[in-house]
């Protein structure tokens, strides 16, 4: 893996600004949804197959986190929890970069490293899905 510090060209798109905009838009949308008293959306995958999807419990994970219940958030969906932590860190990084007008950190991967990262991602997603299926069966057994 190679890392480099990169200054944006004025004509170049700004991924850090895009990340912040998407995060703010998503948070505003979710806040408006909850403030409007709308019901939580059901999982279409679960309705069709009877099995939880790899992201089942994501909404409950976010709500538990917002209430300060970290262990409960992790229990709802560990992968979504890890993703939320990474998203917060990425947003903090983006704010620092944009506020300080600093060079951007960029990574490049060899073909072998790229294959490894893709395989690791599939394994992590499969493990999280197995956890979700196990958790759902344990809950229904109660």
N, C-alpha and C. Protein backbone atom coordinates (compact mmCIF):
# COMPACT_ATOMS: atom_id res chain seq x y z
N UNK A 1 0.86 -1.17 0.00
CA UNK A 1 0.00 0.00 0.00
C UNK A 1 0.90 1.23 0.00
N UNK A 2 0.58 2.14 -0.87
CA UNK A 2 1.29 3.41 -0.92
C UNK A 2 0.36 4.52 -0.45
N UNK A 3 0.93 5.43 0.29
CA UNK A 3 0.16 6.60 0.72
C UNK A 3 0.84 7.84 0.19
N UNK A 4 0.05 8.84 -0.11
CA UNK A 4 0.61 10.10 -0.54
C UNK A 4 -0.29 11.24 -0.10
N UNK A 5 0.30 12.39 0.07
CA UNK A 5 -0.46 13.60 0.37
C UNK A 5 -0.69 14.32 -0.95
N UNK A 6 -1.91 14.69 -1.21
CA UNK A 6 -2.31 15.22 -2.51
C UNK A 6 -3.06 16.55 -2.31
N UNK A 7 -2.62 17.57 -3.01
CA UNK A 7 -3.36 18.83 -3.03
C UNK A 7 -4.33 18.79 -4.19
N UNK A 8 -5.57 19.18 -3.92
CA UNK A 8 -6.59 19.16 -4.97
C UNK A 8 -6.35 20.26 -5.98
N UNK A 9 -6.54 19.90 -7.22
CA UNK A 9 -6.55 20.88 -8.30
C UNK A 9 -7.92 21.56 -8.25
N UNK A 10 -8.03 22.85 -8.54
CA UNK A 10 -9.34 23.53 -8.48
C UNK A 10 -10.42 22.87 -9.34
N UNK A 11 -10.04 22.22 -10.43
CA UNK A 11 -11.03 21.58 -11.30
C UNK A 11 -11.37 20.16 -10.85
N UNK A 12 -10.64 19.65 -9.89
CA UNK A 12 -10.83 18.28 -9.42
C UNK A 12 -12.00 18.19 -8.45
N UNK A 13 -12.82 17.12 -8.53
CA UNK A 13 -13.90 16.97 -7.55
C UNK A 13 -13.34 16.81 -6.14
N UNK A 14 -14.12 17.20 -5.15
CA UNK A 14 -13.68 17.19 -3.76
C UNK A 14 -14.39 16.08 -3.00
N UNK A 15 -13.77 14.88 -2.87
CA UNK A 15 -14.45 13.76 -2.21
C UNK A 15 -14.75 14.02 -0.73
N UNK A 16 -13.88 14.77 -0.06
CA UNK A 16 -14.12 15.05 1.36
C UNK A 16 -15.37 15.92 1.54
N UNK A 17 -15.53 16.90 0.67
CA UNK A 17 -16.72 17.76 0.73
C UNK A 17 -17.97 16.96 0.37
N UNK A 18 -17.84 16.08 -0.60
CA UNK A 18 -18.96 15.21 -0.99
C UNK A 18 -19.37 14.30 0.16
N UNK A 19 -18.38 13.73 0.87
CA UNK A 19 -18.65 12.88 2.03
C UNK A 19 -19.43 13.65 3.10
N UNK A 20 -18.97 14.85 3.41
CA UNK A 20 -19.66 15.66 4.42
C UNK A 20 -21.08 16.01 3.98
N UNK A 21 -21.24 16.37 2.72
CA UNK A 21 -22.57 16.71 2.21
C UNK A 21 -23.52 15.52 2.27
N UNK A 22 -23.03 14.35 1.86
CA UNK A 22 -23.86 13.14 1.89
C UNK A 22 -24.21 12.76 3.32
N UNK A 23 -23.24 12.88 4.23
CA UNK A 23 -23.49 12.55 5.64
C UNK A 23 -24.52 13.50 6.24
N UNK A 24 -24.35 14.79 5.97
CA UNK A 24 -25.29 15.78 6.50
C UNK A 24 -26.68 15.57 5.91
N UNK A 25 -26.75 15.30 4.61
CA UNK A 25 -28.04 15.05 3.97
C UNK A 25 -28.73 13.82 4.52
N UNK A 26 -27.96 12.74 4.72
CA UNK A 26 -28.52 11.52 5.28
C UNK A 26 -29.01 11.72 6.70
N UNK A 27 -28.24 12.46 7.51
CA UNK A 27 -28.65 12.73 8.89
C UNK A 27 -29.90 13.60 8.91
N UNK A 28 -29.96 14.59 8.03
CA UNK A 28 -31.14 15.46 7.97
C UNK A 28 -32.38 14.66 7.54
N UNK A 29 -32.22 13.80 6.56
CA UNK A 29 -33.33 12.98 6.09
C UNK A 29 -33.83 12.06 7.20
N UNK A 30 -32.90 11.39 7.88
CA UNK A 30 -33.28 10.48 8.96
C UNK A 30 -33.93 11.25 10.10
N UNK A 31 -33.40 12.42 10.43
CA UNK A 31 -33.99 13.24 11.49
C UNK A 31 -35.40 13.67 11.15
N UNK A 32 -35.61 14.08 9.90
CA UNK A 32 -36.95 14.49 9.47
C UNK A 32 -37.91 13.31 9.50
N UNK A 33 -37.43 12.14 9.11
CA UNK A 33 -38.25 10.92 9.13
C UNK A 33 -38.71 10.62 10.55
N UNK A 34 -37.76 10.65 11.48
CA UNK A 34 -38.09 10.34 12.88
C UNK A 34 -38.96 11.43 13.49
N UNK A 35 -38.66 12.71 13.20
CA UNK A 35 -39.45 13.81 13.74
C UNK A 35 -40.88 13.76 13.22
N UNK A 36 -41.03 13.25 12.01
CA UNK A 36 -42.36 13.12 11.43
C UNK A 36 -43.15 11.95 11.99
N UNK A 37 -42.52 11.16 12.84
CA UNK A 37 -43.21 10.02 13.45
C UNK A 37 -43.49 8.89 12.48
N UNK A 38 -42.74 8.84 11.40
CA UNK A 38 -42.96 7.78 10.42
C UNK A 38 -42.45 6.45 10.95
N UNK A 39 -43.06 5.34 10.55
CA UNK A 39 -42.62 4.03 11.06
C UNK A 39 -41.26 3.65 10.46
N UNK A 40 -40.55 2.79 11.19
CA UNK A 40 -39.28 2.29 10.66
C UNK A 40 -39.57 1.41 9.45
N UNK A 41 -38.76 1.54 8.39
CA UNK A 41 -39.03 0.73 7.20
C UNK A 41 -38.74 -0.74 7.47
N UNK A 42 -39.61 -1.63 6.98
CA UNK A 42 -39.37 -3.06 7.16
C UNK A 42 -38.27 -3.54 6.20
N UNK A 43 -37.67 -4.66 6.52
CA UNK A 43 -36.63 -5.25 5.68
C UNK A 43 -37.30 -6.06 4.57
N UNK A 44 -37.17 -5.62 3.33
CA UNK A 44 -37.79 -6.31 2.20
C UNK A 44 -37.20 -7.71 2.02
N UNK A 45 -35.90 -7.85 2.22
CA UNK A 45 -35.25 -9.16 2.08
C UNK A 45 -35.84 -10.15 3.07
N UNK A 46 -36.01 -9.69 4.32
CA UNK A 46 -36.56 -10.58 5.36
C UNK A 46 -38.02 -10.92 5.05
N UNK A 47 -38.77 -9.95 4.53
CA UNK A 47 -40.18 -10.21 4.21
C UNK A 47 -40.30 -11.27 3.12
N UNK A 48 -39.36 -11.28 2.17
CA UNK A 48 -39.42 -12.22 1.06
C UNK A 48 -38.86 -13.58 1.45
N UNK A 49 -37.70 -13.60 2.13
CA UNK A 49 -37.00 -14.86 2.39
C UNK A 49 -37.22 -15.42 3.78
N UNK A 50 -37.60 -14.56 4.73
CA UNK A 50 -37.71 -15.00 6.12
C UNK A 50 -36.39 -14.95 6.86
N UNK A 51 -35.32 -14.62 6.15
CA UNK A 51 -33.99 -14.50 6.75
C UNK A 51 -33.59 -13.03 6.88
N UNK A 52 -32.82 -12.70 7.89
CA UNK A 52 -32.34 -11.32 7.98
C UNK A 52 -31.29 -11.05 6.90
N UNK A 53 -31.24 -9.82 6.43
CA UNK A 53 -30.21 -9.43 5.46
C UNK A 53 -28.93 -9.05 6.23
N UNK A 54 -27.81 -8.89 5.55
CA UNK A 54 -26.57 -8.55 6.26
C UNK A 54 -26.63 -7.21 7.02
N UNK A 55 -27.55 -6.34 6.64
CA UNK A 55 -27.65 -5.06 7.34
C UNK A 55 -28.89 -4.97 8.22
N UNK A 56 -29.58 -6.09 8.44
CA UNK A 56 -30.73 -6.06 9.34
C UNK A 56 -30.28 -5.56 10.72
N UNK A 57 -31.08 -4.72 11.31
CA UNK A 57 -30.76 -4.16 12.60
C UNK A 57 -30.02 -2.85 12.51
N UNK A 58 -29.75 -2.37 11.29
CA UNK A 58 -29.00 -1.12 11.13
C UNK A 58 -29.72 0.06 11.77
N UNK A 59 -31.01 0.17 11.56
CA UNK A 59 -31.77 1.28 12.13
C UNK A 59 -31.76 1.19 13.65
N UNK A 60 -31.96 0.01 14.18
CA UNK A 60 -31.93 -0.17 15.63
C UNK A 60 -30.53 0.12 16.19
N UNK A 61 -29.50 -0.24 15.43
CA UNK A 61 -28.12 0.04 15.82
C UNK A 61 -27.91 1.55 15.95
N UNK A 62 -28.35 2.30 14.96
CA UNK A 62 -28.20 3.76 14.98
C UNK A 62 -28.99 4.36 16.15
N UNK A 63 -30.22 3.90 16.35
CA UNK A 63 -31.03 4.43 17.45
C UNK A 63 -30.41 4.12 18.80
N UNK A 64 -29.88 2.92 18.98
CA UNK A 64 -29.22 2.57 20.23
C UNK A 64 -28.00 3.46 20.46
N UNK A 65 -27.24 3.71 19.39
CA UNK A 65 -26.08 4.60 19.51
C UNK A 65 -26.50 6.02 19.89
N UNK A 66 -27.56 6.50 19.27
CA UNK A 66 -28.04 7.86 19.57
C UNK A 66 -28.48 7.99 21.03
N UNK A 67 -28.90 6.88 21.62
CA UNK A 67 -29.30 6.89 23.03
C UNK A 67 -28.13 6.55 23.96
N UNK A 68 -26.93 6.37 23.39
CA UNK A 68 -25.75 6.11 24.19
C UNK A 68 -25.57 4.66 24.62
N UNK A 69 -26.29 3.75 24.00
CA UNK A 69 -26.22 2.33 24.35
C UNK A 69 -25.28 1.61 23.37
N UNK A 70 -23.98 1.74 23.60
CA UNK A 70 -22.98 1.22 22.67
C UNK A 70 -23.05 -0.29 22.56
N UNK A 71 -23.10 -0.99 23.67
CA UNK A 71 -23.13 -2.46 23.63
C UNK A 71 -24.37 -2.95 22.89
N UNK A 72 -25.49 -2.30 23.11
CA UNK A 72 -26.72 -2.68 22.41
C UNK A 72 -26.58 -2.42 20.91
N UNK A 73 -25.95 -1.31 20.55
CA UNK A 73 -25.75 -0.99 19.14
C UNK A 73 -24.88 -2.06 18.47
N UNK A 74 -23.82 -2.47 19.14
CA UNK A 74 -22.95 -3.51 18.58
C UNK A 74 -23.72 -4.82 18.43
N UNK A 75 -24.56 -5.14 19.42
CA UNK A 75 -25.33 -6.38 19.36
C UNK A 75 -26.32 -6.37 18.20
N UNK A 76 -26.90 -5.23 17.88
CA UNK A 76 -27.87 -5.17 16.78
C UNK A 76 -27.20 -5.50 15.46
N UNK A 77 -26.02 -4.92 15.19
CA UNK A 77 -25.31 -5.24 13.95
C UNK A 77 -23.88 -4.74 14.06
N UNK A 78 -22.93 -5.64 14.32
CA UNK A 78 -21.54 -5.24 14.51
C UNK A 78 -20.93 -4.56 13.28
N UNK A 79 -21.30 -5.02 12.08
CA UNK A 79 -20.73 -4.43 10.87
C UNK A 79 -21.23 -3.01 10.66
N UNK A 80 -22.50 -2.78 10.89
CA UNK A 80 -23.05 -1.43 10.77
C UNK A 80 -22.42 -0.52 11.82
N UNK A 81 -22.25 -1.04 13.04
CA UNK A 81 -21.61 -0.25 14.09
C UNK A 81 -20.20 0.16 13.67
N UNK A 82 -19.42 -0.80 13.16
CA UNK A 82 -18.06 -0.49 12.70
C UNK A 82 -18.09 0.53 11.56
N UNK A 83 -19.05 0.38 10.67
CA UNK A 83 -19.19 1.33 9.57
C UNK A 83 -19.51 2.73 10.06
N UNK A 84 -20.37 2.82 11.08
CA UNK A 84 -20.70 4.13 11.64
C UNK A 84 -19.50 4.78 12.31
N UNK A 85 -18.71 3.98 13.02
CA UNK A 85 -17.49 4.51 13.65
C UNK A 85 -16.55 5.04 12.56
N UNK A 86 -16.36 4.26 11.50
CA UNK A 86 -15.50 4.70 10.40
C UNK A 86 -16.05 5.95 9.72
N UNK A 87 -17.37 6.03 9.58
CA UNK A 87 -17.98 7.21 8.98
C UNK A 87 -17.74 8.45 9.82
N UNK A 88 -17.87 8.33 11.14
CA UNK A 88 -17.60 9.47 12.03
C UNK A 88 -16.14 9.90 11.90
N UNK A 89 -15.23 8.92 11.91
CA UNK A 89 -13.81 9.24 11.77
C UNK A 89 -13.52 9.91 10.42
N UNK A 90 -14.14 9.41 9.36
CA UNK A 90 -13.95 10.00 8.03
C UNK A 90 -14.50 11.42 7.98
N UNK A 91 -15.61 11.66 8.66
CA UNK A 91 -16.16 13.02 8.68
C UNK A 91 -15.28 13.97 9.49
N UNK A 92 -14.72 13.50 10.60
CA UNK A 92 -13.79 14.32 11.38
C UNK A 92 -12.56 14.66 10.53
N UNK A 93 -12.05 13.65 9.82
CA UNK A 93 -10.92 13.87 8.91
C UNK A 93 -11.28 14.91 7.85
N UNK A 94 -12.47 14.76 7.24
CA UNK A 94 -12.88 15.68 6.18
C UNK A 94 -13.03 17.11 6.70
N UNK A 95 -13.58 17.26 7.90
CA UNK A 95 -13.72 18.60 8.48
C UNK A 95 -12.34 19.21 8.71
N UNK A 96 -11.41 18.43 9.25
CA UNK A 96 -10.06 18.93 9.50
C UNK A 96 -9.37 19.33 8.19
N UNK A 97 -9.51 18.51 7.17
CA UNK A 97 -8.88 18.78 5.87
C UNK A 97 -9.47 20.05 5.25
N UNK A 98 -10.79 20.15 5.28
CA UNK A 98 -11.44 21.30 4.65
C UNK A 98 -11.20 22.58 5.44
N UNK A 99 -11.27 22.50 6.76
CA UNK A 99 -11.08 23.70 7.58
C UNK A 99 -9.63 24.20 7.51
N UNK A 100 -8.68 23.27 7.48
CA UNK A 100 -7.28 23.65 7.46
C UNK A 100 -6.70 23.79 6.06
N UNK A 101 -7.51 23.51 5.04
CA UNK A 101 -7.05 23.54 3.65
C UNK A 101 -5.75 22.74 3.49
N UNK A 102 -5.77 21.54 4.06
CA UNK A 102 -4.61 20.67 4.10
C UNK A 102 -4.57 19.74 2.89
N UNK A 103 -3.41 19.17 2.59
CA UNK A 103 -3.36 18.16 1.53
C UNK A 103 -4.15 16.91 1.94
N UNK A 104 -4.68 16.23 0.95
CA UNK A 104 -5.53 15.07 1.18
C UNK A 104 -4.69 13.81 1.22
N UNK A 105 -5.03 12.90 2.10
CA UNK A 105 -4.36 11.60 2.20
C UNK A 105 -5.00 10.66 1.18
N UNK A 106 -4.18 10.06 0.36
CA UNK A 106 -4.66 9.12 -0.65
C UNK A 106 -3.88 7.82 -0.55
N UNK A 107 -4.55 6.72 -0.84
CA UNK A 107 -3.95 5.39 -0.79
C UNK A 107 -4.01 4.77 -2.18
N UNK A 108 -3.01 3.99 -2.50
CA UNK A 108 -3.06 3.18 -3.72
C UNK A 108 -2.62 1.76 -3.35
N UNK A 109 -3.25 0.79 -3.98
CA UNK A 109 -3.02 -0.61 -3.64
C UNK A 109 -2.53 -1.36 -4.87
N UNK A 110 -1.67 -2.33 -4.64
CA UNK A 110 -1.24 -3.21 -5.73
C UNK A 110 -2.41 -4.13 -6.08
N UNK A 111 -2.27 -4.84 -7.19
CA UNK A 111 -3.33 -5.77 -7.60
C UNK A 111 -3.55 -6.84 -6.54
N UNK A 112 -2.46 -7.35 -5.96
CA UNK A 112 -2.57 -8.38 -4.92
C UNK A 112 -3.27 -7.82 -3.68
N UNK A 113 -2.90 -6.63 -3.27
CA UNK A 113 -3.54 -6.01 -2.11
C UNK A 113 -5.02 -5.75 -2.37
N UNK A 114 -5.35 -5.35 -3.59
CA UNK A 114 -6.75 -5.14 -3.95
C UNK A 114 -7.56 -6.42 -3.87
N UNK A 115 -7.00 -7.52 -4.36
CA UNK A 115 -7.68 -8.82 -4.27
C UNK A 115 -7.87 -9.23 -2.81
N UNK A 116 -6.83 -9.03 -2.00
CA UNK A 116 -6.92 -9.37 -0.58
C UNK A 116 -8.02 -8.54 0.09
N UNK A 117 -8.08 -7.24 -0.18
CA UNK A 117 -9.10 -6.39 0.44
C UNK A 117 -10.51 -6.80 0.01
N UNK A 118 -10.67 -7.16 -1.26
CA UNK A 118 -11.99 -7.61 -1.72
C UNK A 118 -12.39 -8.92 -1.04
N UNK A 119 -11.45 -9.86 -0.95
CA UNK A 119 -11.74 -11.14 -0.29
C UNK A 119 -12.05 -10.93 1.19
N UNK A 120 -11.26 -10.09 1.85
CA UNK A 120 -11.50 -9.80 3.27
C UNK A 120 -12.87 -9.17 3.46
N UNK A 121 -13.27 -8.30 2.54
CA UNK A 121 -14.58 -7.66 2.63
C UNK A 121 -15.71 -8.68 2.51
N UNK A 122 -15.57 -9.61 1.59
CA UNK A 122 -16.58 -10.65 1.41
C UNK A 122 -16.66 -11.53 2.66
N UNK A 123 -15.51 -11.89 3.23
CA UNK A 123 -15.49 -12.73 4.43
C UNK A 123 -16.14 -12.00 5.60
N UNK A 124 -15.82 -10.72 5.77
CA UNK A 124 -16.41 -9.94 6.86
C UNK A 124 -17.92 -9.82 6.68
N UNK A 125 -18.36 -9.56 5.48
CA UNK A 125 -19.80 -9.45 5.21
C UNK A 125 -20.50 -10.79 5.48
N UNK A 126 -19.89 -11.89 5.05
CA UNK A 126 -20.47 -13.21 5.28
C UNK A 126 -20.52 -13.54 6.78
N UNK A 127 -19.46 -13.20 7.50
CA UNK A 127 -19.45 -13.45 8.95
C UNK A 127 -20.53 -12.63 9.65
N UNK A 128 -20.71 -11.38 9.24
CA UNK A 128 -21.75 -10.54 9.84
C UNK A 128 -23.13 -11.10 9.51
N UNK A 129 -23.31 -11.58 8.29
CA UNK A 129 -24.60 -12.16 7.91
C UNK A 129 -24.88 -13.42 8.72
N UNK A 130 -23.85 -14.26 8.91
CA UNK A 130 -24.02 -15.46 9.75
C UNK A 130 -24.41 -15.06 11.17
N UNK A 131 -23.79 -14.00 11.69
CA UNK A 131 -24.15 -13.50 13.02
C UNK A 131 -25.61 -13.06 13.05
N UNK A 132 -26.04 -12.33 12.03
CA UNK A 132 -27.43 -11.85 11.98
C UNK A 132 -28.42 -13.02 11.93
N UNK A 133 -28.11 -14.04 11.16
CA UNK A 133 -28.98 -15.21 11.07
C UNK A 133 -29.02 -15.93 12.42
N UNK A 134 -27.86 -16.09 13.05
CA UNK A 134 -27.80 -16.73 14.36
C UNK A 134 -28.57 -15.92 15.41
N UNK A 135 -28.39 -14.60 15.40
CA UNK A 135 -29.08 -13.74 16.37
C UNK A 135 -30.59 -13.83 16.17
N UNK A 136 -31.04 -13.82 14.92
CA UNK A 136 -32.48 -13.91 14.65
C UNK A 136 -33.05 -15.24 15.10
N UNK A 137 -32.31 -16.33 14.88
CA UNK A 137 -32.81 -17.64 15.30
C UNK A 137 -32.80 -17.76 16.83
N UNK A 138 -31.82 -17.15 17.48
CA UNK A 138 -31.77 -17.18 18.95
C UNK A 138 -32.92 -16.39 19.54
N UNK A 139 -33.26 -15.27 18.92
CA UNK A 139 -34.38 -14.45 19.41
C UNK A 139 -35.71 -15.16 19.20
N UNK A 140 -35.87 -15.81 18.03
CA UNK A 140 -37.14 -16.49 17.76
C UNK A 140 -37.30 -17.74 18.62
N UNK A 141 -36.19 -18.29 19.13
CA UNK A 141 -36.26 -19.47 19.98
C UNK A 141 -36.73 -19.13 21.40
N UNK A 142 -36.66 -17.84 21.74
CA UNK A 142 -37.08 -17.45 23.11
C UNK A 142 -38.53 -17.53 23.25
